[in-house]
Amino acid sequence: MSGKDLGTLLRTKEILAGYFIPRPYETGEKTLNRAKNEAIQRLQQQIVDIRNLTSEEFFTRSQKEIDDAN
């Protein structure tokens, strides 16, 4: 292992597992690199979504309230 604790390693592998879908022409290493890039892009988008969330949106309880606000 690379100095990561087991919990961190398992969480990281779990995240990547959702993106690790080998293509017939890819090596395992290439698939892993693509999965890492896709996971990072998704996480970056989630950060943007979190930063852009307003308190009004956060405290909205229903889809109807969201639709009414738009």
Protein backbone atom coordinates (compact mmCIF):
# COMPACT_ATOMS: atom_id res chain seq x y z
CA MET A 1 0.00 0.00 0.00
CA SER A 2 1.05 3.59 -0.52
CA GLY A 3 0.67 4.85 3.04
CA LYS A 4 -3.12 5.28 2.79
CA ASP A 5 -5.16 3.83 5.58
CA LEU A 6 -7.47 0.97 4.68
CA GLY A 7 -10.65 3.07 4.97
CA THR A 8 -9.35 5.67 2.54
CA LEU A 9 -8.21 3.00 0.10
CA LEU A 10 -11.55 1.19 0.19
CA ARG A 11 -13.57 4.42 -0.24
CA THR A 12 -11.42 5.45 -3.19
CA LYS A 13 -11.74 2.05 -4.83
CA GLU A 14 -15.50 2.11 -4.29
CA ILE A 15 -15.79 5.47 -6.05
CA LEU A 16 -13.70 4.30 -8.99
CA ALA A 17 -15.52 0.98 -9.30
CA GLY A 18 -18.56 2.84 -10.62
CA TYR A 19 -16.50 4.26 -13.47
CA PHE A 20 -14.26 1.24 -14.14
CA ILE A 21 -15.95 -0.26 -17.19
CA PRO A 22 -13.33 -1.86 -19.43
CA ARG A 23 -13.60 -1.40 -23.14
CA PRO A 24 -12.43 -4.26 -25.36
CA TYR A 25 -9.50 -2.27 -26.75
CA GLU A 26 -8.29 -0.83 -23.39
CA THR A 27 -5.63 -2.14 -21.09
CA GLY A 28 -6.47 -2.27 -17.39
CA GLU A 29 -4.20 0.72 -16.80
CA LYS A 30 -5.94 2.78 -19.50
CA THR A 31 -9.35 1.84 -18.10
CA LEU A 32 -8.22 2.86 -14.61
CA ASN A 33 -6.91 6.21 -15.85
CA ARG A 34 -10.16 6.89 -17.72
CA ALA A 35 -12.17 5.93 -14.63
CA LYS A 36 -10.08 8.28 -12.48
CA ASN A 37 -10.59 11.16 -14.93
CA GLU A 38 -14.34 10.57 -15.13
CA ALA A 39 -14.64 10.34 -11.34
CA ILE A 40 -12.64 13.54 -10.86
CA GLN A 41 -14.82 15.38 -13.40
CA ARG A 42 -17.96 14.24 -11.59
CA LEU A 43 -16.57 15.24 -8.21
CA GLN A 44 -15.60 18.66 -9.57
CA GLN A 45 -19.15 19.13 -10.88
CA GLN A 46 -20.52 18.15 -7.47
CA ILE A 47 -18.31 20.81 -5.87
CA VAL A 48 -19.71 23.42 -8.29
CA ASP A 49 -23.25 22.25 -7.50
CA ILE A 50 -22.59 22.54 -3.76
CA ARG A 51 -21.06 26.01 -4.08
CA ASN A 52 -24.01 27.20 -6.19
CA LEU A 53 -26.72 25.86 -3.88
CA THR A 54 -28.62 28.68 -2.19
CA SER A 55 -30.09 28.47 1.28
CA GLU A 56 -33.55 28.77 -0.28
CA GLU A 57 -32.85 25.74 -2.48
CA PHE A 58 -31.41 23.82 0.45
CA PHE A 59 -34.45 24.36 2.64
CA THR A 60 -36.96 23.59 -0.15
CA ARG A 61 -38.77 20.40 0.76
CA SER A 62 -40.59 19.33 -2.37
CA GLN A 63 -40.25 19.25 -6.14
CA LYS A 64 -43.38 21.42 -6.36
CA GLU A 65 -41.68 24.14 -4.31
CA ILE A 66 -38.68 23.92 -6.64
CA ASP A 67 -40.90 24.14 -9.73
CA ASP A 68 -42.83 27.08 -8.24
CA ALA A 69 -39.57 28.93 -7.53
CA ASN A 70 -38.52 28.61 -11.17
